[in-house]
Protein backbone atom coordinates (compact mmCIF):
# COMPACT_ATOMS: atom_id res chain seq x y z
CA MET A 1 0.00 0.00 0.00
CA SER A 2 2.83 2.41 0.88
CA PHE A 3 4.50 1.78 -2.50
CA ILE A 4 1.25 2.50 -4.33
CA LEU A 5 0.87 5.77 -2.45
CA ASP A 6 4.42 6.70 -3.43
CA LEU A 7 3.59 6.03 -7.09
CA PHE A 8 0.67 8.42 -6.78
CA ARG A 9 2.95 11.00 -5.14
CA LEU A 10 4.86 11.04 -8.44
CA CYS A 11 1.67 12.22 -10.15
CA LYS A 12 1.61 15.65 -8.42
CA LEU A 13 -2.05 15.19 -7.57
CA LYS A 14 -2.58 18.78 -6.40
CA VAL A 15 -1.35 20.08 -9.75
CA VAL A 16 -3.41 17.51 -11.64
CA GLY A 17 -6.43 18.51 -9.57
CA LEU A 18 -6.07 22.14 -10.62
CA ILE A 19 -5.62 21.05 -14.24
CA LEU A 20 -8.82 19.02 -14.08
CA ILE A 21 -10.81 21.88 -12.55
CA THR A 22 -9.96 24.09 -15.52
CA ALA A 23 -10.60 21.25 -17.99
CA ILE A 24 -14.00 20.40 -16.48
CA VAL A 25 -15.06 24.05 -16.56
CA GLY A 26 -14.12 24.06 -20.24
CA MET A 27 -16.35 21.01 -20.75
CA PHE A 28 -19.39 22.64 -19.18
CA LEU A 29 -18.87 26.02 -20.85
CA SER A 30 -18.79 24.33 -24.26
CA VAL A 31 -22.49 23.51 -23.88
CA PRO A 32 -25.08 26.33 -23.96
CA ALA A 33 -26.84 26.76 -20.62
CA PRO A 34 -29.12 25.40 -19.26
CA TYR A 35 -28.05 22.18 -20.98
CA LEU A 36 -25.44 19.87 -19.45
CA PRO A 37 -22.78 17.93 -21.29
CA ASP A 38 -23.02 14.16 -21.43
CA LEU A 39 -21.93 13.28 -17.89
CA PHE A 40 -20.41 9.95 -18.91
CA LEU A 41 -18.32 11.80 -21.49
CA VAL A 42 -17.30 14.31 -18.81
CA LEU A 43 -16.12 11.48 -16.53
CA ILE A 44 -14.28 9.56 -19.21
CA ALA A 45 -12.62 12.69 -20.65
CA THR A 46 -11.61 13.75 -17.14
CA ALA A 47 -10.02 10.34 -16.59
CA GLY A 48 -8.11 10.51 -19.88
CA ILE A 49 -6.88 14.08 -19.40
CA GLY A 50 -6.05 13.43 -15.74
CA MET A 51 -4.02 10.29 -16.46
CA SER A 52 -2.13 12.07 -19.23
CA ALA A 53 -1.34 15.00 -16.94
CA ALA A 54 -0.21 12.58 -14.23
CA SER A 55 2.04 10.85 -16.78
CA ALA A 56 3.71 14.17 -17.63
CA ALA A 57 4.26 14.77 -13.90
CA VAL A 58 5.91 11.36 -13.47
CA PHE A 59 8.33 12.01 -16.33
CA ASN A 60 9.07 15.42 -14.81
CA HIS A 61 10.12 13.59 -11.61
CA ILE A 62 12.34 11.21 -13.59
CA ILE A 63 14.08 13.96 -15.57
CA ASP A 64 14.55 16.19 -12.54
CA GLU A 65 15.71 13.47 -10.13
CA GLN A 66 19.28 14.73 -9.77
CA ALA A 67 18.16 18.31 -9.25
CA ASP A 68 15.46 17.21 -6.82
CA ILE A 69 18.08 15.50 -4.64
CA LYS A 70 19.80 18.86 -4.08
CA MET A 71 16.70 21.00 -3.49
CA LEU A 72 15.12 21.40 -0.07
CA ARG A 73 11.62 21.59 -1.57
CA THR A 74 11.97 18.32 -3.48
CA GLU A 75 14.53 16.19 -1.64
CA ASN A 76 11.82 14.05 -0.01
CA ARG A 77 10.18 13.03 -3.26
CA PRO A 78 10.03 9.24 -3.94
CA LEU A 79 12.88 9.13 -6.47
CA PRO A 80 15.46 11.13 -4.45
CA GLN A 81 14.57 8.99 -1.43
CA LYS A 82 15.04 5.79 -3.52
CA ILE A 83 11.55 4.65 -2.51
CA VAL A 84 10.65 4.25 -6.18
CA SER A 85 13.26 3.36 -8.80
CA ARG A 86 13.62 5.17 -12.11
CA GLU A 87 12.57 1.99 -13.93
CA GLN A 88 9.41 1.66 -11.84
CA ALA A 89 8.60 5.34 -12.35
CA PHE A 90 9.15 5.00 -16.10
CA VAL A 91 6.77 2.05 -16.37
CA TRP A 92 4.19 3.90 -14.24
CA GLY A 93 4.49 7.04 -16.36
CA MET A 94 4.15 5.06 -19.61
CA PHE A 95 1.12 3.19 -18.28
CA LEU A 96 -0.62 6.43 -17.29
CA GLY A 97 0.20 8.18 -20.56
CA ILE A 98 -0.73 5.34 -22.91
CA THR A 99 -3.91 4.53 -20.99
CA GLY A 100 -4.98 8.16 -20.76
CA LEU A 101 -4.42 8.81 -24.46
CA ALA A 102 -6.14 5.53 -25.40
CA ILE A 103 -9.19 6.52 -23.36
CA LEU A 104 -9.36 9.84 -25.19
CA TYR A 105 -8.89 8.21 -28.60
CA PHE A 106 -11.45 5.43 -28.22
CA PHE A 107 -14.07 7.07 -26.00
CA VAL A 108 -13.78 10.84 -26.57
CA ASN A 109 -12.39 12.07 -29.89
CA TYR A 110 -9.24 12.25 -31.97
CA ILE A 111 -8.60 15.98 -31.68
CA THR A 112 -8.66 15.89 -27.86
CA MET A 113 -6.24 12.97 -27.87
CA VAL A 114 -3.83 14.78 -30.20
CA LEU A 115 -3.96 18.04 -28.26
CA THR A 116 -3.47 16.19 -24.98
CA PHE A 117 -0.47 14.33 -26.41
CA LEU A 118 1.07 17.60 -27.60
CA SER A 119 0.52 19.12 -24.15
CA LEU A 120 2.18 16.10 -22.51
CA ILE A 121 5.18 16.39 -24.80
CA GLY A 122 5.28 20.15 -24.31
CA TYR A 123 5.55 19.84 -20.53
CA ALA A 124 7.49 16.60 -20.04
CA VAL A 125 9.96 17.06 -22.90
CA ILE A 126 10.14 20.60 -24.31
CA TYR A 127 9.77 22.39 -20.97
CA THR A 128 11.38 19.96 -18.51
CA ILE A 129 14.31 18.81 -20.65
CA TYR A 130 15.08 21.96 -22.63
CA LEU A 131 13.37 25.21 -21.65
CA LYS A 132 13.71 24.81 -17.88
CA ARG A 133 17.51 24.87 -18.15
CA ALA A 134 17.89 27.01 -21.26
CA THR A 135 16.29 30.37 -20.49
CA PRO A 136 14.87 32.45 -17.62
CA GLN A 137 11.77 32.74 -19.79
CA ASN A 138 11.29 28.99 -19.33
CA ILE A 139 8.02 29.28 -17.47
CA VAL A 140 6.64 31.92 -19.84
CA ILE A 141 7.19 29.81 -22.97
CA GLY A 142 6.55 26.48 -21.30
CA GLY A 143 3.41 27.82 -19.70
CA ALA A 144 1.58 27.24 -22.97
CA ALA A 145 1.53 23.48 -22.27
CA GLY A 146 0.00 24.02 -18.84
CA ALA A 147 -2.63 26.40 -20.18
CA THR A 148 -4.27 23.91 -22.56
CA PRO A 149 -6.65 22.02 -20.19
CA PRO A 150 -9.69 24.29 -20.86
CA ILE A 151 -9.18 23.70 -24.58
CA LEU A 152 -8.91 19.95 -23.98
CA GLY A 153 -12.08 20.04 -21.92
CA TRP A 154 -13.88 22.06 -24.57
CA THR A 155 -12.91 19.81 -27.48
CA SER A 156 -13.74 16.66 -25.53
CA ILE A 157 -17.41 17.72 -25.50
CA ALA A 158 -17.92 20.08 -28.44
CA GLY A 159 -15.05 19.24 -30.77
CA THR A 160 -13.98 22.39 -32.60
CA GLN A 161 -17.38 24.08 -32.40
CA GLY A 162 -16.95 27.42 -30.60
CA ILE A 163 -13.37 26.50 -29.75
CA GLU A 164 -12.30 30.15 -30.05
CA TYR A 165 -13.94 30.84 -26.67
CA SER A 166 -11.75 28.23 -24.99
CA PHE A 167 -8.70 30.24 -26.05
CA LEU A 168 -9.86 33.02 -23.72
CA LEU A 169 -9.52 30.53 -20.86
CA PHE A 170 -6.17 29.39 -22.24
CA LEU A 171 -4.97 33.00 -22.23
CA ILE A 172 -5.95 33.49 -18.58
CA ILE A 173 -3.87 30.50 -17.47
CA PHE A 174 -1.01 31.43 -19.79
CA VAL A 175 -0.69 34.92 -18.24
CA TRP A 176 -1.30 33.57 -14.71
CA THR A 177 1.54 31.03 -14.93
CA PRO A 178 4.61 33.34 -14.77
CA PRO A 179 3.70 35.27 -11.59
CA HIS A 180 2.46 32.03 -10.01
CA PHE A 181 5.82 30.28 -10.51
CA TRP A 182 7.97 33.35 -9.90
CA PHE A 183 6.43 33.75 -6.44
CA LEU A 184 7.68 30.24 -5.69
CA ALA A 185 11.05 30.90 -7.35
CA ILE A 186 11.60 33.92 -5.09
CA ASP A 187 10.89 31.78 -2.04
CA ARG A 188 13.19 28.99 -3.28
CA ILE A 189 15.89 31.06 -4.96
CA LYS A 190 18.71 29.26 -3.11
CA ASP A 191 17.46 25.90 -4.37
CA TYR A 192 17.43 27.05 -7.99
CA LYS A 193 20.88 28.64 -7.66
CA GLY A 194 22.23 25.42 -6.21
CA VAL A 195 21.18 23.34 -9.21
CA ASN A 196 21.89 25.98 -11.88
CA ILE A 197 18.32 26.29 -13.08
CA PRO A 198 18.03 29.80 -14.60
CA MET A 199 14.80 30.92 -13.00
CA LEU A 200 14.24 34.66 -13.32
CA PRO A 201 15.25 35.57 -9.71
CA VAL A 202 18.55 33.71 -10.22
CA THR A 203 19.48 35.34 -13.53
CA HIS A 204 17.99 38.83 -13.12
CA GLY A 205 17.70 39.33 -9.37
CA LEU A 206 14.80 39.77 -6.98
CA ALA A 207 13.97 43.39 -7.81
CA TYR A 208 13.54 42.68 -11.53
CA THR A 209 11.52 39.53 -10.84
CA LYS A 210 9.19 41.40 -8.49
CA LEU A 211 8.64 44.06 -11.16
CA GLN A 212 7.82 41.38 -13.74
CA ILE A 213 5.38 39.76 -11.31
CA LEU A 214 3.62 43.08 -10.82
CA LEU A 215 3.40 43.76 -14.56
CA TYR A 216 2.11 40.27 -15.33
CA THR A 217 -0.44 40.54 -12.53
CA LEU A 218 -1.76 43.81 -13.95
CA LEU A 219 -1.95 42.16 -17.37
CA LEU A 220 -3.75 39.19 -15.81
CA PHE A 221 -6.35 41.51 -14.31
CA ILE A 222 -7.17 42.78 -17.81
CA VAL A 223 -7.05 39.37 -19.49
CA ALA A 224 -9.38 37.90 -16.85
CA LEU A 225 -12.04 40.38 -17.96
CA LEU A 226 -12.06 39.07 -21.53
CA PRO A 227 -14.73 36.38 -21.00
CA TYR A 228 -17.11 39.14 -19.91
CA LEU A 229 -16.04 41.57 -22.64
CA PHE A 230 -16.56 38.89 -25.32
CA GLY A 231 -20.01 37.98 -23.98
CA MET A 232 -18.93 34.59 -22.68
CA SER A 233 -19.90 35.39 -19.08
CA GLY A 234 -22.01 37.81 -17.07
CA LEU A 235 -21.91 40.04 -14.03
CA ILE A 236 -21.26 37.29 -11.49
CA TYR A 237 -18.04 36.39 -13.22
CA LEU A 238 -17.13 40.05 -13.76
CA LEU A 239 -17.48 40.85 -10.06
CA SER A 240 -15.52 37.73 -9.12
CA ALA A 241 -12.72 38.53 -11.57
CA VAL A 242 -12.42 42.10 -10.28
CA VAL A 243 -12.32 41.10 -6.60
CA LEU A 244 -9.99 38.13 -7.08
CA GLY A 245 -7.76 40.18 -9.37
CA ALA A 246 -7.59 43.06 -6.90
CA VAL A 247 -6.38 40.68 -4.18
CA PHE A 248 -3.80 39.25 -6.60
CA ILE A 249 -2.55 42.77 -7.33
CA TYR A 250 -2.39 43.42 -3.57
CA TYR A 251 -0.05 40.44 -3.15
CA ALA A 252 2.03 41.49 -6.16
CA VAL A 253 2.42 45.03 -4.81
CA LYS A 254 3.21 43.73 -1.33
CA THR A 255 5.85 41.41 -2.76
CA TYR A 256 7.29 44.27 -4.82
CA LYS A 257 7.61 46.57 -1.83
CA ASP A 258 8.46 44.18 1.00
CA SER A 259 12.07 43.20 1.69
CA ASN A 260 10.95 40.01 3.44
CA GLN A 261 10.37 38.44 0.05
CA SER A 262 10.34 34.82 1.12
CA LYS A 263 7.45 35.05 3.59
CA ILE A 264 5.30 37.27 1.38
CA ALA A 265 6.12 35.40 -1.82
CA ILE A 266 5.06 32.00 -0.49
CA GLN A 267 1.79 33.49 0.76
CA ALA A 268 1.25 35.01 -2.69
CA PHE A 269 2.06 31.66 -4.30
CA ALA A 270 -0.61 29.97 -2.20
CA TYR A 271 -3.15 32.66 -3.08
CA SER A 272 -2.38 32.34 -6.80
CA VAL A 273 -3.64 28.74 -6.69
CA GLN A 274 -6.80 29.85 -4.90
CA TYR A 275 -7.22 32.66 -7.43
CA LEU A 276 -7.26 30.38 -10.46
CA THR A 277 -9.50 27.82 -8.78
CA LEU A 278 -12.08 30.39 -7.68
CA LEU A 279 -11.96 32.25 -11.00
CA PHE A 280 -12.86 29.13 -12.95
CA ILE A 281 -15.53 28.16 -10.45
CA ALA A 282 -16.99 31.66 -10.92
CA LEU A 283 -17.08 31.05 -14.68
CA LEU A 284 -19.07 27.87 -14.13
CA VAL A 285 -21.48 29.40 -11.61
CA ASP A 286 -22.05 32.41 -13.86
CA HIS A 287 -22.69 30.17 -16.87
CA TYR A 288 -25.67 28.48 -15.21
CA TRP A 289 -26.80 31.18 -12.77
CA LEU A 290 -27.95 33.59 -15.46
CA ILE A 291 -30.36 31.01 -16.84
CA THR A 292 -32.16 30.73 -13.51
CA LEU A 293 -32.84 34.46 -13.20
């Protein structure tokens, strides 16, 4: 039982959970209210997307094993602790990826399978192997792979019909990703320096990183309004986006001004997860609430 739990620890379940929230919201938004998507299709698409995302996480653990050994944040992961071998992790990752993609191919549709596969490759290979160690813009460029779940959710239910609206959701996550990760990078700057990973605080310093966080957060505030401006959502979402965005800006400003960057940054990092979760829940509530009025 303990070994099985350690295999699941490789899947980064909290990250996968956030991915699935955004994908599921994409599924429901693809169907005009008050109608619901086929719930069996929702469940099976969620399983396929979730297993594929978990597979990418496992391969991220395998590729980053040597760096994880040297980092305080990751030294207790199953591979650095030799609880799970690289061979076992590889088999587990392949099983999850092949099964997840097969589910999408046979039970959902071809386009969702292809897009999910490209996202898996984008994160596990292009980002983890190359971008992460090649440029301080790693998380900006690589963030495209992590921003695809709403598109995957959308196509799993509606195919390409109305797919342009899902790109608004993609854009929100894409702009959210840099400040989200840079908050963490500020808190763990010594770890990244120790393993020569060129995160922005390492290459350009804390002051520059804090400025970039603030600028991206202001941009995120504007981008988060796009679903309302394009008629995709109503006043409930607009109010939620404004309030949640204002709090995000508060944390960005506080991080920018405060010299105790580690304490503030990790609080901001935690809020950024809450922000994205609540923003997408607001989209879903708004989508169905208006119909009941």
